Amino acid sequence: MRPYPYEPDDPVICEIAEPEDWAELVNRHPLVRKRDPDFWEHWLGAQRQGSRRHRTPFVLVNWADVAKEYDAVHVTPRGYLLSAWAPIATEYGLTTLAGWGPDLTCWLR
């Protein structure tokens, strides 16, 4: 495998500097889980309201949609520290910043 040289002229980057930034990204590009695994409650420590059948859904980011709008997503150290594995409310349910690191950029195109 060899690296592919890619230098966009003027990249459009979504910056996550606080939990509200992550919530906004999820609200704009939601991927609502049909089956909500119970392990998210364990990891997030979130007490969700409602019966087992009518719980608040867990929402992920629809990365295919994000890639249509942004070249990359960058998580600042502050954004990571405030958002990683913390329950974050969105219009569609709960989410969290998982699988990222501080000052990490994920290039989408």
Protein backbone atom coordinates (compact mmCIF):
# COMPACT_ATOMS: atom_id res chain seq x y z
CA MET A 1 0.00 0.00 0.00
CA ARG A 2 1.27 3.48 -0.72
CA PRO A 3 -0.03 6.84 0.45
CA TYR A 4 -2.30 8.81 -1.81
CA PRO A 5 -1.28 12.47 -2.04
CA TYR A 6 -4.32 14.64 -1.45
CA GLU A 7 -4.20 18.34 -0.74
CA PRO A 8 -7.57 20.06 -1.08
CA ASP A 9 -7.31 23.71 -2.05
CA ASP A 10 -9.74 24.97 0.57
CA PRO A 11 -10.99 22.12 2.77
CA VAL A 12 -14.27 22.48 4.62
CA ILE A 13 -13.67 21.18 8.14
CA CYS A 14 -16.22 20.65 10.89
CA GLU A 15 -14.58 21.40 14.24
CA ILE A 16 -15.83 19.79 17.44
CA ALA A 17 -14.72 22.02 20.33
CA GLU A 18 -17.52 21.27 22.81
CA PRO A 19 -20.42 18.83 23.29
CA GLU A 20 -22.85 21.23 21.59
CA ASP A 21 -20.79 20.99 18.38
CA TRP A 22 -21.12 17.20 18.39
CA ALA A 23 -24.86 17.48 19.11
CA GLU A 24 -25.25 19.88 16.18
CA LEU A 25 -23.40 17.49 13.85
CA VAL A 26 -25.63 14.61 14.97
CA ASN A 27 -28.78 16.76 14.64
CA ARG A 28 -27.82 17.71 11.08
CA HIS A 29 -26.77 14.18 10.08
CA PRO A 30 -28.57 11.67 12.35
CA LEU A 31 -28.46 7.91 12.12
CA VAL A 32 -31.08 6.70 14.58
CA ARG A 33 -30.57 3.15 15.79
CA LYS A 34 -33.61 0.91 15.27
CA ARG A 35 -32.49 -1.55 17.95
CA ASP A 36 -30.96 0.18 20.92
CA PRO A 37 -28.27 -1.94 22.61
CA ASP A 38 -28.32 -1.86 26.40
CA PHE A 39 -24.55 -1.59 26.60
CA TRP A 40 -24.71 2.14 25.76
CA GLU A 41 -26.45 2.69 29.07
CA HIS A 42 -23.59 0.92 30.83
CA TRP A 43 -20.85 2.90 29.07
CA LEU A 44 -22.59 6.27 29.26
CA GLY A 45 -24.00 5.82 32.73
CA ALA A 46 -27.15 7.34 31.28
CA GLN A 47 -30.47 6.74 32.96
CA ARG A 48 -32.97 6.93 30.15
CA GLN A 49 -36.64 7.40 30.78
CA GLY A 50 -39.41 5.12 29.66
CA SER A 51 -40.06 1.42 29.55
CA ARG A 52 -37.71 -0.94 27.74
CA ARG A 53 -39.90 -0.65 24.63
CA HIS A 54 -40.13 3.15 24.66
CA ARG A 55 -36.67 4.37 25.60
CA THR A 56 -34.91 7.39 24.23
CA PRO A 57 -33.03 6.14 21.14
CA PHE A 58 -29.26 6.22 20.77
CA VAL A 59 -28.20 8.31 17.78
CA LEU A 60 -25.04 7.98 15.71
CA VAL A 61 -23.59 10.21 12.99
CA ASN A 62 -24.50 9.40 9.39
CA TRP A 63 -20.98 9.71 8.00
CA ALA A 64 -22.07 9.33 4.37
CA ASP A 65 -24.19 12.48 4.77
CA VAL A 66 -21.43 14.33 6.63
CA ALA A 67 -19.02 13.61 3.74
CA LYS A 68 -21.36 15.45 1.37
CA GLU A 69 -20.93 18.64 3.41
CA TYR A 70 -17.42 18.44 4.91
CA ASP A 71 -13.98 17.31 3.80
CA ALA A 72 -13.00 16.45 7.37
CA VAL A 73 -14.08 16.48 11.02
CA HIS A 74 -11.59 17.68 13.63
CA VAL A 75 -11.98 17.10 17.37
CA THR A 76 -10.04 19.59 19.49
CA PRO A 77 -8.46 18.50 22.78
CA ARG A 78 -11.14 20.50 24.63
CA GLY A 79 -13.89 18.96 22.50
CA TYR A 80 -12.58 15.50 23.27
CA LEU A 81 -12.26 16.06 27.02
CA LEU A 82 -15.77 17.51 27.32
CA SER A 83 -17.54 15.11 24.95
CA ALA A 84 -15.86 11.69 25.00
CA TRP A 85 -18.15 9.03 26.47
CA ALA A 86 -20.42 11.70 27.97
CA PRO A 87 -24.16 11.43 27.29
CA ILE A 88 -25.08 14.27 24.91
CA ALA A 89 -28.72 15.12 24.21
CA THR A 90 -29.86 15.69 20.62
CA GLU A 91 -33.20 16.28 18.93
CA TYR A 92 -33.36 12.54 18.17
CA GLY A 93 -32.09 10.99 21.42
CA LEU A 94 -28.76 10.48 23.18
CA THR A 95 -25.34 10.36 21.55
CA THR A 96 -21.70 10.43 22.60
CA LEU A 97 -18.29 11.07 21.09
CA ALA A 98 -16.75 7.58 20.94
CA GLY A 99 -13.81 6.20 19.00
CA TRP A 100 -12.00 9.53 18.75
CA GLY A 101 -8.91 11.03 20.34
CA PRO A 102 -7.83 14.56 21.24
CA ASP A 103 -6.71 16.72 18.30
CA LEU A 104 -7.73 14.04 15.81
CA THR A 105 -8.89 14.80 12.26
CA CYS A 106 -10.85 12.30 10.19
CA TRP A 107 -10.64 13.07 6.48
CA LEU A 108 -13.83 12.02 4.73
CA ARG A 109 -12.92 12.84 1.13
